[in-house]
Amino acid sequence: LELLELVGISEPRKRARDYPHQLSGGMRQR
């Protein structure tokens, strides 16, 4: 969660449960 927040992904706890196809290209690169 610390790393996801560090790279600018909001709501890291929620996003940590997502699969790659649920993210945009920029978020996948992050």
mmCIF file of all heavy atoms, coordinates in Angstrom:
data_MODEL
# 
_entry.id   MODEL 
# 
loop_
_atom_site.group_PDB 
_atom_site.id 
_atom_site.type_symbol 
_atom_site.label_atom_id 
_atom_site.label_alt_id 
_atom_site.label_comp_id 
_atom_site.label_asym_id 
_atom_site.label_entity_id 
_atom_site.label_seq_id 
_atom_site.pdbx_PDB_ins_code 
_atom_site.Cartn_x 
_atom_site.Cartn_y 
_atom_site.Cartn_z 
_atom_site.occupancy 
_atom_site.B_iso_or_equiv 
_atom_site.pdbx_formal_charge 
_atom_site.auth_seq_id 
_atom_site.auth_comp_id 
_atom_site.auth_asym_id 
_atom_site.auth_atom_id 
_atom_site.pdbx_PDB_model_num 
ATOM 1   N N   . LEU A 1 1  ? 0.832   -1.204  0.000   1.00 0.00 ? 1  LEU A N   1 
ATOM 2   C CA  . LEU A 1 1  ? 0.000   0.000   0.000   1.00 0.00 ? 1  LEU A CA  1 
ATOM 3   C C   . LEU A 1 1  ? 0.864   1.250   0.000   1.00 0.00 ? 1  LEU A C   1 
ATOM 4   O O   . LEU A 1 1  ? 0.535   2.247   -0.663  1.00 0.00 ? 1  LEU A O   1 
ATOM 5   C CB  . LEU A 1 1  ? -0.932  -0.014  1.215   1.00 0.00 ? 1  LEU A CB  1 
ATOM 6   C CG  . LEU A 1 1  ? -1.917  -1.188  1.281   1.00 0.00 ? 1  LEU A CG  1 
ATOM 7   C CD1 . LEU A 1 1  ? -2.794  -1.075  2.528   1.00 0.00 ? 1  LEU A CD1 1 
ATOM 8   C CD2 . LEU A 1 1  ? -2.784  -1.248  0.028   1.00 0.00 ? 1  LEU A CD2 1 
ATOM 9   N N   . GLU A 1 2  ? 1.984   1.202   0.721   1.00 0.00 ? 2  GLU A N   1 
ATOM 10  C CA  . GLU A 1 2  ? 2.907   2.333   0.746   1.00 0.00 ? 2  GLU A CA  1 
ATOM 11  C C   . GLU A 1 2  ? 3.474   2.597   -0.647  1.00 0.00 ? 2  GLU A C   1 
ATOM 12  O O   . GLU A 1 2  ? 3.579   3.752   -1.091  1.00 0.00 ? 2  GLU A O   1 
ATOM 13  C CB  . GLU A 1 2  ? 4.045   2.041   1.727   1.00 0.00 ? 2  GLU A CB  1 
ATOM 14  C CG  . GLU A 1 2  ? 5.110   3.121   1.788   1.00 0.00 ? 2  GLU A CG  1 
ATOM 15  C CD  . GLU A 1 2  ? 6.311   2.694   2.626   1.00 0.00 ? 2  GLU A CD  1 
ATOM 16  O OE1 . GLU A 1 2  ? 6.276   1.607   3.237   1.00 0.00 ? 2  GLU A OE1 1 
ATOM 17  O OE2 . GLU A 1 2  ? 7.304   3.460   2.651   1.00 0.00 ? 2  GLU A OE2 1 
ATOM 18  N N   . LEU A 1 3  ? 3.825   1.529   -1.360  1.00 0.00 ? 3  LEU A N   1 
ATOM 19  C CA  . LEU A 1 3  ? 4.384   1.675   -2.701  1.00 0.00 ? 3  LEU A CA  1 
ATOM 20  C C   . LEU A 1 3  ? 3.348   2.220   -3.685  1.00 0.00 ? 3  LEU A C   1 
ATOM 21  O O   . LEU A 1 3  ? 3.654   3.082   -4.515  1.00 0.00 ? 3  LEU A O   1 
ATOM 22  C CB  . LEU A 1 3  ? 4.918   0.330   -3.195  1.00 0.00 ? 3  LEU A CB  1 
ATOM 23  C CG  . LEU A 1 3  ? 6.211   -0.153  -2.534  1.00 0.00 ? 3  LEU A CG  1 
ATOM 24  C CD1 . LEU A 1 3  ? 6.420   -1.647  -2.784  1.00 0.00 ? 3  LEU A CD1 1 
ATOM 25  C CD2 . LEU A 1 3  ? 7.405   0.643   -3.060  1.00 0.00 ? 3  LEU A CD2 1 
ATOM 26  N N   . LEU A 1 4  ? 2.123   1.722   -3.616  1.00 0.00 ? 4  LEU A N   1 
ATOM 27  C CA  . LEU A 1 4  ? 1.077   2.219   -4.508  1.00 0.00 ? 4  LEU A CA  1 
ATOM 28  C C   . LEU A 1 4  ? 0.819   3.705   -4.267  1.00 0.00 ? 4  LEU A C   1 
ATOM 29  O O   . LEU A 1 4  ? 0.630   4.479   -5.212  1.00 0.00 ? 4  LEU A O   1 
ATOM 30  C CB  . LEU A 1 4  ? -0.205  1.418   -4.312  1.00 0.00 ? 4  LEU A CB  1 
ATOM 31  C CG  . LEU A 1 4  ? -0.180  -0.027  -4.828  1.00 0.00 ? 4  LEU A CG  1 
ATOM 32  C CD1 . LEU A 1 4  ? -1.459  -0.756  -4.440  1.00 0.00 ? 4  LEU A CD1 1 
ATOM 33  C CD2 . LEU A 1 4  ? 0.011   -0.056  -6.347  1.00 0.00 ? 4  LEU A CD2 1 
ATOM 34  N N   . GLU A 1 5  ? 0.832   4.111   -3.003  1.00 0.00 ? 5  GLU A N   1 
ATOM 35  C CA  . GLU A 1 5  ? 0.658   5.525   -2.701  1.00 0.00 ? 5  GLU A CA  1 
ATOM 36  C C   . GLU A 1 5  ? 1.855   6.341   -3.187  1.00 0.00 ? 5  GLU A C   1 
ATOM 37  O O   . GLU A 1 5  ? 1.706   7.443   -3.715  1.00 0.00 ? 5  GLU A O   1 
ATOM 38  C CB  . GLU A 1 5  ? 0.482   5.709   -1.190  1.00 0.00 ? 5  GLU A CB  1 
ATOM 39  C CG  . GLU A 1 5  ? 0.129   7.130   -0.785  1.00 0.00 ? 5  GLU A CG  1 
ATOM 40  C CD  . GLU A 1 5  ? -0.232  7.236   0.688   1.00 0.00 ? 5  GLU A CD  1 
ATOM 41  O OE1 . GLU A 1 5  ? -0.148  6.232   1.403   1.00 0.00 ? 5  GLU A OE1 1 
ATOM 42  O OE2 . GLU A 1 5  ? -0.598  8.346   1.118   1.00 0.00 ? 5  GLU A OE2 1 
ATOM 43  N N   . LEU A 1 6  ? 3.056   5.758   -3.046  1.00 0.00 ? 6  LEU A N   1 
ATOM 44  C CA  . LEU A 1 6  ? 4.276   6.432   -3.462  1.00 0.00 ? 6  LEU A CA  1 
ATOM 45  C C   . LEU A 1 6  ? 4.264   6.764   -4.948  1.00 0.00 ? 6  LEU A C   1 
ATOM 46  O O   . LEU A 1 6  ? 4.728   7.833   -5.372  1.00 0.00 ? 6  LEU A O   1 
ATOM 47  C CB  . LEU A 1 6  ? 5.484   5.555   -3.140  1.00 0.00 ? 6  LEU A CB  1 
ATOM 48  C CG  . LEU A 1 6  ? 6.867   6.079   -3.521  1.00 0.00 ? 6  LEU A CG  1 
ATOM 49  C CD1 . LEU A 1 6  ? 7.229   7.290   -2.667  1.00 0.00 ? 6  LEU A CD1 1 
ATOM 50  C CD2 . LEU A 1 6  ? 7.916   4.985   -3.354  1.00 0.00 ? 6  LEU A CD2 1 
ATOM 51  N N   . VAL A 1 7  ? 3.716   5.864   -5.777  1.00 0.00 ? 7  VAL A N   1 
ATOM 52  C CA  . VAL A 1 7  ? 3.707   6.097   -7.229  1.00 0.00 ? 7  VAL A CA  1 
ATOM 53  C C   . VAL A 1 7  ? 2.447   6.819   -7.689  1.00 0.00 ? 7  VAL A C   1 
ATOM 54  O O   . VAL A 1 7  ? 2.181   6.904   -8.888  1.00 0.00 ? 7  VAL A O   1 
ATOM 55  C CB  . VAL A 1 7  ? 3.876   4.770   -8.006  1.00 0.00 ? 7  VAL A CB  1 
ATOM 56  C CG1 . VAL A 1 7  ? 5.210   4.128   -7.676  1.00 0.00 ? 7  VAL A CG1 1 
ATOM 57  C CG2 . VAL A 1 7  ? 2.727   3.798   -7.733  1.00 0.00 ? 7  VAL A CG2 1 
ATOM 58  N N   . GLY A 1 8  ? 1.677   7.347   -6.753  1.00 0.00 ? 8  GLY A N   1 
ATOM 59  C CA  . GLY A 1 8  ? 0.576   8.228   -7.114  1.00 0.00 ? 8  GLY A CA  1 
ATOM 60  C C   . GLY A 1 8  ? -0.728  7.548   -7.454  1.00 0.00 ? 8  GLY A C   1 
ATOM 61  O O   . GLY A 1 8  ? -1.557  8.131   -8.161  1.00 0.00 ? 8  GLY A O   1 
ATOM 62  N N   . ILE A 1 9  ? -0.936  6.328   -6.976  1.00 0.00 ? 9  ILE A N   1 
ATOM 63  C CA  . ILE A 1 9  ? -2.209  5.641   -7.204  1.00 0.00 ? 9  ILE A CA  1 
ATOM 64  C C   . ILE A 1 9  ? -3.128  5.917   -6.026  1.00 0.00 ? 9  ILE A C   1 
ATOM 65  O O   . ILE A 1 9  ? -2.808  5.569   -4.879  1.00 0.00 ? 9  ILE A O   1 
ATOM 66  C CB  . ILE A 1 9  ? -1.996  4.127   -7.397  1.00 0.00 ? 9  ILE A CB  1 
ATOM 67  C CG1 . ILE A 1 9  ? -1.243  3.881   -8.715  1.00 0.00 ? 9  ILE A CG1 1 
ATOM 68  C CG2 . ILE A 1 9  ? -3.324  3.371   -7.394  1.00 0.00 ? 9  ILE A CG2 1 
ATOM 69  C CD1 . ILE A 1 9  ? -1.001  2.433   -9.041  1.00 0.00 ? 9  ILE A CD1 1 
ATOM 70  N N   . SER A 1 10 ? -4.257  6.543   -6.294  1.00 0.00 ? 10 SER A N   1 
ATOM 71  C CA  . SER A 1 10 ? -5.203  6.877   -5.230  1.00 0.00 ? 10 SER A CA  1 
ATOM 72  C C   . SER A 1 10 ? -5.946  5.627   -4.756  1.00 0.00 ? 10 SER A C   1 
ATOM 73  O O   . SER A 1 10 ? -6.027  4.624   -5.477  1.00 0.00 ? 10 SER A O   1 
ATOM 74  C CB  . SER A 1 10 ? -6.204  7.926   -5.722  1.00 0.00 ? 10 SER A CB  1 
ATOM 75  O OG  . SER A 1 10 ? -6.919  7.436   -6.846  1.00 0.00 ? 10 SER A OG  1 
ATOM 76  N N   . GLU A 1 11 ? -6.467  5.692   -3.571  1.00 0.00 ? 11 GLU A N   1 
ATOM 77  C CA  . GLU A 1 11 ? -7.182  4.571   -2.946  1.00 0.00 ? 11 GLU A CA  1 
ATOM 78  C C   . GLU A 1 11 ? -6.377  3.262   -3.078  1.00 0.00 ? 11 GLU A C   1 
ATOM 79  O O   . GLU A 1 11 ? -6.853  2.275   -3.647  1.00 0.00 ? 11 GLU A O   1 
ATOM 80  C CB  . GLU A 1 11 ? -8.558  4.384   -3.581  1.00 0.00 ? 11 GLU A CB  1 
ATOM 81  C CG  . GLU A 1 11 ? -9.472  5.598   -3.443  1.00 0.00 ? 11 GLU A CG  1 
ATOM 82  C CD  . GLU A 1 11 ? -10.833 5.349   -4.055  1.00 0.00 ? 11 GLU A CD  1 
ATOM 83  O OE1 . GLU A 1 11 ? -10.968 5.495   -5.292  1.00 0.00 ? 11 GLU A OE1 1 
ATOM 84  O OE2 . GLU A 1 11 ? -11.753 4.966   -3.288  1.00 0.00 ? 11 GLU A OE2 1 
ATOM 85  N N   . PRO A 1 12 ? -5.163  3.242   -2.552  1.00 0.00 ? 12 PRO A N   1 
ATOM 86  C CA  . PRO A 1 12 ? -4.297  2.077   -2.759  1.00 0.00 ? 12 PRO A CA  1 
ATOM 87  C C   . PRO A 1 12 ? -4.879  0.766   -2.231  1.00 0.00 ? 12 PRO A C   1 
ATOM 88  O O   . PRO A 1 12 ? -4.680  -0.285  -2.844  1.00 0.00 ? 12 PRO A O   1 
ATOM 89  C CB  . PRO A 1 12 ? -3.011  2.457   -2.013  1.00 0.00 ? 12 PRO A CB  1 
ATOM 90  C CG  . PRO A 1 12 ? -3.392  3.561   -1.086  1.00 0.00 ? 12 PRO A CG  1 
ATOM 91  C CD  . PRO A 1 12 ? -4.502  4.289   -1.753  1.00 0.00 ? 12 PRO A CD  1 
ATOM 92  N N   . ARG A 1 13 ? -5.611  0.812   -1.135  1.00 0.00 ? 13 ARG A N   1 
ATOM 93  C CA  . ARG A 1 13 ? -6.177  -0.432  -0.606  1.00 0.00 ? 13 ARG A CA  1 
ATOM 94  C C   . ARG A 1 13 ? -7.206  -1.025  -1.573  1.00 0.00 ? 13 ARG A C   1 
ATOM 95  O O   . ARG A 1 13 ? -7.253  -2.240  -1.781  1.00 0.00 ? 13 ARG A O   1 
ATOM 96  C CB  . ARG A 1 13 ? -6.806  -0.187  0.769   1.00 0.00 ? 13 ARG A CB  1 
ATOM 97  C CG  . ARG A 1 13 ? -7.247  -1.463  1.494   1.00 0.00 ? 13 ARG A CG  1 
ATOM 98  C CD  . ARG A 1 13 ? -7.718  -1.147  2.900   1.00 0.00 ? 13 ARG A CD  1 
ATOM 99  N NE  . ARG A 1 13 ? -6.637  -0.638  3.731   1.00 0.00 ? 13 ARG A NE  1 
ATOM 100 C CZ  . ARG A 1 13 ? -5.775  -1.400  4.401   1.00 0.00 ? 13 ARG A CZ  1 
ATOM 101 N NH1 . ARG A 1 13 ? -5.893  -2.729  4.343   1.00 0.00 ? 13 ARG A NH1 1 
ATOM 102 N NH2 . ARG A 1 13 ? -4.835  -0.864  5.135   1.00 0.00 ? 13 ARG A NH2 1 
ATOM 103 N N   . LYS A 1 14 ? -7.988  -0.167  -2.197  1.00 0.00 ? 14 LYS A N   1 
ATOM 104 C CA  . LYS A 1 14 ? -8.970  -0.633  -3.174  1.00 0.00 ? 14 LYS A CA  1 
ATOM 105 C C   . LYS A 1 14 ? -8.273  -1.113  -4.447  1.00 0.00 ? 14 LYS A C   1 
ATOM 106 O O   . LYS A 1 14 ? -8.597  -2.176  -4.987  1.00 0.00 ? 14 LYS A O   1 
ATOM 107 C CB  . LYS A 1 14 ? -9.944  0.492   -3.503  1.00 0.00 ? 14 LYS A CB  1 
ATOM 108 C CG  . LYS A 1 14 ? -10.945 0.174   -4.613  1.00 0.00 ? 14 LYS A CG  1 
ATOM 109 C CD  . LYS A 1 14 ? -11.869 1.357   -4.851  1.00 0.00 ? 14 LYS A CD  1 
ATOM 110 C CE  . LYS A 1 14 ? -12.870 1.073   -5.960  1.00 0.00 ? 14 LYS A CE  1 
ATOM 111 N NZ  . LYS A 1 14 ? -12.214 0.867   -7.272  1.00 0.00 ? 14 LYS A NZ  1 
ATOM 112 N N   . ARG A 1 15 ? -7.297  -0.331  -4.925  1.00 0.00 ? 15 ARG A N   1 
ATOM 113 C CA  . ARG A 1 15 ? -6.618  -0.682  -6.167  1.00 0.00 ? 15 ARG A CA  1 
ATOM 114 C C   . ARG A 1 15 ? -5.781  -1.955  -6.029  1.00 0.00 ? 15 ARG A C   1 
ATOM 115 O O   . ARG A 1 15 ? -5.579  -2.670  -7.018  1.00 0.00 ? 15 ARG A O   1 
ATOM 116 C CB  . ARG A 1 15 ? -5.721  0.480   -6.608  1.00 0.00 ? 15 ARG A CB  1 
ATOM 117 C CG  . ARG A 1 15 ? -6.488  1.697   -7.106  1.00 0.00 ? 15 ARG A CG  1 
ATOM 118 C CD  . ARG A 1 15 ? -7.397  1.324   -8.268  1.00 0.00 ? 15 ARG A CD  1 
ATOM 119 N NE  . ARG A 1 15 ? -8.054  2.486   -8.849  1.00 0.00 ? 15 ARG A NE  1 
ATOM 120 C CZ  . ARG A 1 15 ? -8.950  2.428   -9.816  1.00 0.00 ? 15 ARG A CZ  1 
ATOM 121 N NH1 . ARG A 1 15 ? -9.307  1.254   -10.310 1.00 0.00 ? 15 ARG A NH1 1 
ATOM 122 N NH2 . ARG A 1 15 ? -9.507  3.520   -10.282 1.00 0.00 ? 15 ARG A NH2 1 
ATOM 123 N N   . ALA A 1 16 ? -5.300  -2.235  -4.832  1.00 0.00 ? 16 ALA A N   1 
ATOM 124 C CA  . ALA A 1 16 ? -4.507  -3.450  -4.622  1.00 0.00 ? 16 ALA A CA  1 
ATOM 125 C C   . ALA A 1 16 ? -5.315  -4.705  -4.922  1.00 0.00 ? 16 ALA A C   1 
ATOM 126 O O   . ALA A 1 16 ? -4.741  -5.761  -5.225  1.00 0.00 ? 16 ALA A O   1 
ATOM 127 C CB  . ALA A 1 16 ? -3.968  -3.494  -3.197  1.00 0.00 ? 16 ALA A CB  1 
ATOM 128 N N   . ARG A 1 17 ? -6.645  -4.601  -4.860  1.00 0.00 ? 17 ARG A N   1 
ATOM 129 C CA  . ARG A 1 17 ? -7.507  -5.759  -5.131  1.00 0.00 ? 17 ARG A CA  1 
ATOM 130 C C   . ARG A 1 17 ? -7.916  -5.850  -6.593  1.00 0.00 ? 17 ARG A C   1 
ATOM 131 O O   . ARG A 1 17 ? -8.601  -6.790  -6.995  1.00 0.00 ? 17 ARG A O   1 
ATOM 132 C CB  . ARG A 1 17 ? -8.763  -5.689  -4.241  1.00 0.00 ? 17 ARG A CB  1 
ATOM 133 C CG  . ARG A 1 17 ? -8.468  -5.784  -2.747  1.00 0.00 ? 17 ARG A CG  1 
ATOM 134 C CD  . ARG A 1 17 ? -9.734  -6.024  -1.937  1.00 0.00 ? 17 ARG A CD  1 
ATOM 135 N NE  . ARG A 1 17 ? -10.640 -4.889  -2.027  1.00 0.00 ? 17 ARG A NE  1 
ATOM 136 C CZ  . ARG A 1 17 ? -10.637 -3.858  -1.181  1.00 0.00 ? 17 ARG A CZ  1 
ATOM 137 N NH1 . ARG A 1 17 ? -9.749  -3.821  -0.189  1.00 0.00 ? 17 ARG A NH1 1 
ATOM 138 N NH2 . ARG A 1 17 ? -11.493 -2.863  -1.303  1.00 0.00 ? 17 ARG A NH2 1 
ATOM 139 N N   . ASP A 1 18 ? -7.501  -4.857  -7.397  1.00 0.00 ? 18 ASP A N   1 
ATOM 140 C CA  . ASP A 1 18 ? -7.853  -4.862  -8.823  1.00 0.00 ? 18 ASP A CA  1 
ATOM 141 C C   . ASP A 1 18 ? -6.942  -5.792  -9.617  1.00 0.00 ? 18 ASP A C   1 
ATOM 142 O O   . ASP A 1 18 ? -5.799  -6.077  -9.221  1.00 0.00 ? 18 ASP A O   1 
ATOM 143 C CB  . ASP A 1 18 ? -7.731  -3.449  -9.409  1.00 0.00 ? 18 ASP A CB  1 
ATOM 144 C CG  . ASP A 1 18 ? -8.879  -2.550  -8.983  1.00 0.00 ? 18 ASP A CG  1 
ATOM 145 O OD1 . ASP A 1 18 ? -9.899  -3.072  -8.501  1.00 0.00 ? 18 ASP A OD1 1 
ATOM 146 O OD2 . ASP A 1 18 ? -8.744  -1.320  -9.142  1.00 0.00 ? 18 ASP A OD2 1 
ATOM 147 N N   . TYR A 1 19 ? -7.469  -6.234  -10.773 1.00 0.00 ? 19 TYR A N   1 
ATOM 148 C CA  . TYR A 1 19 ? -6.658  -6.993  -11.732 1.00 0.00 ? 19 TYR A CA  1 
ATOM 149 C C   . TYR A 1 19 ? -6.105  -6.018  -12.771 1.00 0.00 ? 19 TYR A C   1 
ATOM 150 O O   . TYR A 1 19 ? -6.662  -4.915  -12.958 1.00 0.00 ? 19 TYR A O   1 
ATOM 151 C CB  . TYR A 1 19 ? -7.511  -8.067  -12.406 1.00 0.00 ? 19 TYR A CB  1 
ATOM 152 C CG  . TYR A 1 19 ? -7.930  -9.172  -11.469 1.00 0.00 ? 19 TYR A CG  1 
ATOM 153 C CD1 . TYR A 1 19 ? -9.139  -9.107  -10.773 1.00 0.00 ? 19 TYR A CD1 1 
ATOM 154 C CD2 . TYR A 1 19 ? -7.099  -10.277 -11.273 1.00 0.00 ? 19 TYR A CD2 1 
ATOM 155 C CE1 . TYR A 1 19 ? -9.518  -10.127 -9.906  1.00 0.00 ? 19 TYR A CE1 1 
ATOM 156 C CE2 . TYR A 1 19 ? -7.471  -11.303 -10.411 1.00 0.00 ? 19 TYR A CE2 1 
ATOM 157 C CZ  . TYR A 1 19 ? -8.687  -11.216 -9.723  1.00 0.00 ? 19 TYR A CZ  1 
ATOM 158 O OH  . TYR A 1 19 ? -9.031  -12.223 -8.863  1.00 0.00 ? 19 TYR A OH  1 
ATOM 159 N N   . PRO A 1 20 ? -5.026  -6.381  -13.472 1.00 0.00 ? 20 PRO A N   1 
ATOM 160 C CA  . PRO A 1 20 ? -4.427  -5.443  -14.423 1.00 0.00 ? 20 PRO A CA  1 
ATOM 161 C C   . PRO A 1 20 ? -5.400  -4.859  -15.442 1.00 0.00 ? 20 PRO A C   1 
ATOM 162 O O   . PRO A 1 20 ? -5.304  -3.675  -15.782 1.00 0.00 ? 20 PRO A O   1 
ATOM 163 C CB  . PRO A 1 20 ? -3.346  -6.293  -15.098 1.00 0.00 ? 20 PRO A CB  1 
ATOM 164 C CG  . PRO A 1 20 ? -2.932  -7.269  -14.041 1.00 0.00 ? 20 PRO A CG  1 
ATOM 165 C CD  . PRO A 1 20 ? -4.215  -7.597  -13.315 1.00 0.00 ? 20 PRO A CD  1 
ATOM 166 N N   . HIS A 1 21 ? -6.359  -5.668  -15.928 1.00 0.00 ? 21 HIS A N   1 
ATOM 167 C CA  . HIS A 1 21 ? -7.258  -5.164  -16.971 1.00 0.00 ? 21 HIS A CA  1 
ATOM 168 C C   . HIS A 1 21 ? -8.200  -4.089  -16.447 1.00 0.00 ? 21 HIS A C   1 
ATOM 169 O O   . HIS A 1 21 ? -8.836  -3.389  -17.242 1.00 0.00 ? 21 HIS A O   1 
ATOM 170 C CB  . HIS A 1 21 ? -8.065  -6.319  -17.575 1.00 0.00 ? 21 HIS A CB  1 
ATOM 171 C CG  . HIS A 1 21 ? -9.134  -6.853  -16.677 1.00 0.00 ? 21 HIS A CG  1 
ATOM 172 N ND1 . HIS A 1 21 ? -8.906  -7.863  -15.768 1.00 0.00 ? 21 HIS A ND1 1 
ATOM 173 C CD2 . HIS A 1 21 ? -10.437 -6.507  -16.538 1.00 0.00 ? 21 HIS A CD2 1 
ATOM 174 C CE1 . HIS A 1 21 ? -10.026 -8.126  -15.113 1.00 0.00 ? 21 HIS A CE1 1 
ATOM 175 N NE2 . HIS A 1 21 ? -10.971 -7.319  -15.556 1.00 0.00 ? 21 HIS A NE2 1 
ATOM 176 N N   . GLN A 1 22 ? -8.295  -3.943  -15.124 1.00 0.00 ? 22 GLN A N   1 
ATOM 177 C CA  . GLN A 1 22 ? -9.166  -2.934  -14.552 1.00 0.00 ? 22 GLN A CA  1 
ATOM 178 C C   . GLN A 1 22 ? -8.486  -1.574  -14.429 1.00 0.00 ? 22 GLN A C   1 
ATOM 179 O O   . GLN A 1 22 ? -9.128  -0.606  -14.011 1.00 0.00 ? 22 GLN A O   1 
ATOM 180 C CB  . GLN A 1 22 ? -9.652  -3.402  -13.178 1.00 0.00 ? 22 GLN A CB  1 
ATOM 181 C CG  . GLN A 1 22 ? -10.535 -4.641  -13.241 1.00 0.00 ? 22 GLN A CG  1 
ATOM 182 C CD  . GLN A 1 22 ? -10.922 -5.138  -11.863 1.00 0.00 ? 22 GLN A CD  1 
ATOM 183 O OE1 . GLN A 1 22 ? -10.123 -5.767  -11.157 1.00 0.00 ? 22 GLN A OE1 1 
ATOM 184 N NE2 . GLN A 1 22 ? -12.150 -4.850  -11.464 1.00 0.00 ? 22 GLN A NE2 1 
ATOM 185 N N   . LEU A 1 23 ? -7.225  -1.494  -14.796 1.00 0.00 ? 23 LEU A N   1 
ATOM 186 C CA  . LEU A 1 23 ? -6.469  -0.254  -14.674 1.00 0.00 ? 23 LEU A CA  1 
ATOM 187 C C   . LEU A 1 23 ? -6.172  0.323   -16.052 1.00 0.00 ? 23 LEU A C   1 
ATOM 188 O O   . LEU A 1 23 ? -6.075  -0.405  -17.037 1.00 0.00 ? 23 LEU A O   1 
ATOM 189 C CB  . LEU A 1 23 ? -5.143  -0.503  -13.941 1.00 0.00 ? 23 LEU A CB  1 
ATOM 190 C CG  . LEU A 1 23 ? -5.217  -1.146  -12.561 1.00 0.00 ? 23 LEU A CG  1 
ATOM 191 C CD1 . LEU A 1 23 ? -3.815  -1.329  -12.001 1.00 0.00 ? 23 LEU A CD1 1 
ATOM 192 C CD2 . LEU A 1 23 ? -6.073  -0.315  -11.612 1.00 0.00 ? 23 LEU A CD2 1 
ATOM 193 N N   . SER A 1 24 ? -5.998  1.635   -16.106 1.00 0.00 ? 24 SER A N   1 
ATOM 194 C CA  . SER A 1 24 ? -5.589  2.295   -17.344 1.00 0.00 ? 24 SER A CA  1 
ATOM 195 C C   . SER A 1 24 ? -4.123  1.986   -17.622 1.00 0.00 ? 24 SER A C   1 
ATOM 196 O O   . SER A 1 24 ? -3.387  1.474   -16.762 1.00 0.00 ? 24 SER A O   1 
ATOM 197 C CB  . SER A 1 24 ? -5.784  3.805   -17.221 1.00 0.00 ? 24 SER A CB  1 
ATOM 198 O OG  . SER A 1 24 ? -4.866  4.327   -16.256 1.00 0.00 ? 24 SER A OG  1 
ATOM 199 N N   . GLY A 1 25 ? -3.678  2.325   -18.838 1.00 0.00 ? 25 GLY A N   1 
ATOM 200 C CA  . GLY A 1 25 ? -2.283  2.088   -19.198 1.00 0.00 ? 25 GLY A CA  1 
ATOM 201 C C   . GLY A 1 25 ? -1.315  2.821   -18.281 1.00 0.00 ? 25 GLY A C   1 
ATOM 202 O O   . GLY A 1 25 ? -0.294  2.268   -17.862 1.00 0.00 ? 25 GLY A O   1 
ATOM 203 N N   . GLY A 1 26 ? -1.638  4.074   -17.960 1.00 0.00 ? 26 GLY A N   1 
ATOM 204 C CA  . GLY A 1 26 ? -0.770  4.838   -17.070 1.00 0.00 ? 26 GLY A CA  1 
ATOM 205 C C   . GLY A 1 26 ? -0.709  4.258   -15.676 1.00 0.00 ? 26 GLY A C   1 
ATOM 206 O O   . GLY A 1 26 ? 0.362   4.227   -15.042 1.00 0.00 ? 26 GLY A O   1 
ATOM 207 N N   . MET A 1 27 ? -1.842  3.779   -15.172 1.00 0.00 ? 27 MET A N   1 
ATOM 208 C CA  . MET A 1 27 ? -1.858  3.182   -13.836 1.00 0.00 ? 27 MET A CA  1 
ATOM 209 C C   . MET A 1 27 ? -1.112  1.853   -13.819 1.00 0.00 ? 27 MET A C   1 
ATOM 210 O O   . MET A 1 27 ? -0.423  1.526   -12.844 1.00 0.00 ? 27 MET A O   1 
ATOM 211 C CB  . MET A 1 27 ? -3.297  3.008   -13.362 1.00 0.00 ? 27 MET A CB  1 
ATOM 212 C CG  . MET A 1 27 ? -3.998  4.318   -13.069 1.00 0.00 ? 27 MET A CG  1 
ATOM 213 S SD  . MET A 1 27 ? -5.677  4.114   -12.442 1.00 0.00 ? 27 MET A SD  1 
ATOM 214 C CE  . MET A 1 27 ? -5.371  3.446   -10.815 1.00 0.00 ? 27 MET A CE  1 
ATOM 215 N N   . ARG A 1 28 ? -1.237  1.071   -14.910 1.00 0.00 ? 28 ARG A N   1 
ATOM 216 C CA  . ARG A 1 28 ? -0.469  -0.184  -14.974 1.00 0.00 ? 28 ARG A CA  1 
ATOM 217 C C   . ARG A 1 28 ? 1.027   0.099   -14.960 1.00 0.00 ? 28 ARG A C   1 
ATOM 218 O O   . ARG A 1 28 ? 1.800   -0.627  -14.330 1.00 0.00 ? 28 ARG A O   1 
ATOM 219 C CB  . ARG A 1 28 ? -0.860  -0.975  -16.226 1.00 0.00 ? 28 ARG A CB  1 
ATOM 220 C CG  . ARG A 1 28 ? -2.227  -1.617  -16.140 1.00 0.00 ? 28 ARG A CG  1 
ATOM 221 C CD  . ARG A 1 28 ? -2.418  -2.660  -17.227 1.00 0.00 ? 28 ARG A CD  1 
ATOM 222 N NE  . ARG A 1 28 ? -2.438  -2.083  -18.561 1.00 0.00 ? 28 ARG A NE  1 
ATOM 223 C CZ  . ARG A 1 28 ? -3.538  -1.729  -19.204 1.00 0.00 ? 28 ARG A CZ  1 
ATOM 224 N NH1 . ARG A 1 28 ? -4.722  -1.880  -18.629 1.00 0.00 ? 28 ARG A NH1 1 
ATOM 225 N NH2 . ARG A 1 28 ? -3.474  -1.224  -20.431 1.00 0.00 ? 28 ARG A NH2 1 
ATOM 226 N N   . GLN A 1 29 ? 1.442   1.168   -15.661 1.00 0.00 ? 29 GLN A N   1 
ATOM 227 C CA  . GLN A 1 29 ? 2.863   1.507   -15.652 1.00 0.00 ? 29 GLN A CA  1 
ATOM 228 C C   . GLN A 1 29 ? 3.303   1.945   -14.253 1.00 0.00 ? 29 GLN A C   1 
ATOM 229 O O   . GLN A 1 29 ? 4.419   1.627   -13.818 1.00 0.00 ? 29 GLN A O   1 
ATOM 230 C CB  . GLN A 1 29 ? 3.146   2.598   -16.677 1.00 0.00 ? 29 GLN A CB  1 
ATOM 231 C CG  . GLN A 1 29 ? 4.620   2.799   -16.996 1.00 0.00 ? 29 GLN A CG  1 
ATOM 232 C CD  . GLN A 1 29 ? 5.252   1.573   -17.618 1.00 0.00 ? 29 GLN A CD  1 
ATOM 233 O OE1 . GLN A 1 29 ? 5.511   0.584   -16.936 1.00 0.00 ? 29 GLN A OE1 1 
ATOM 234 N NE2 . GLN A 1 29 ? 5.515   1.634   -18.909 1.00 0.00 ? 29 GLN A NE2 1 
ATOM 235 N N   . ARG A 1 30 ? 2.444   2.628   -13.538 1.00 0.00 ? 30 ARG A N   1 
ATOM 236 C CA  . ARG A 1 30 ? 2.764   3.007   -12.156 1.00 0.00 ? 30 ARG A CA  1 
ATOM 237 C C   . ARG A 1 30 ? 2.889   1.768   -11.267 1.00 0.00 ? 30 ARG A C   1 
ATOM 238 O O   . ARG A 1 30 ? 3.739   1.725   -10.365 1.00 0.00 ? 30 ARG A O   1 
ATOM 239 C CB  . ARG A 1 30 ? 1.692   3.955   -11.608 1.00 0.00 ? 30 ARG A CB  1 
ATOM 240 C CG  . ARG A 1 30 ? 1.747   5.348   -12.221 1.00 0.00 ? 30 ARG A CG  1 
ATOM 241 C CD  . ARG A 1 30 ? 0.572   6.215   -11.793 1.00 0.00 ? 30 ARG A CD  1 
ATOM 242 N NE  . ARG A 1 30 ? 0.571   7.490   -12.486 1.00 0.00 ? 30 ARG A NE  1 
ATOM 243 C CZ  . ARG A 1 30 ? 1.123   8.603   -12.003 1.00 0.00 ? 30 ARG A CZ  1 
ATOM 244 N NH1 . ARG A 1 30 ? 1.701   8.598   -10.813 1.00 0.00 ? 30 ARG A NH1 1 
ATOM 245 N NH2 . ARG A 1 30 ? 1.081   9.722   -12.702 1.00 0.00 ? 30 ARG A NH2 1 
# 
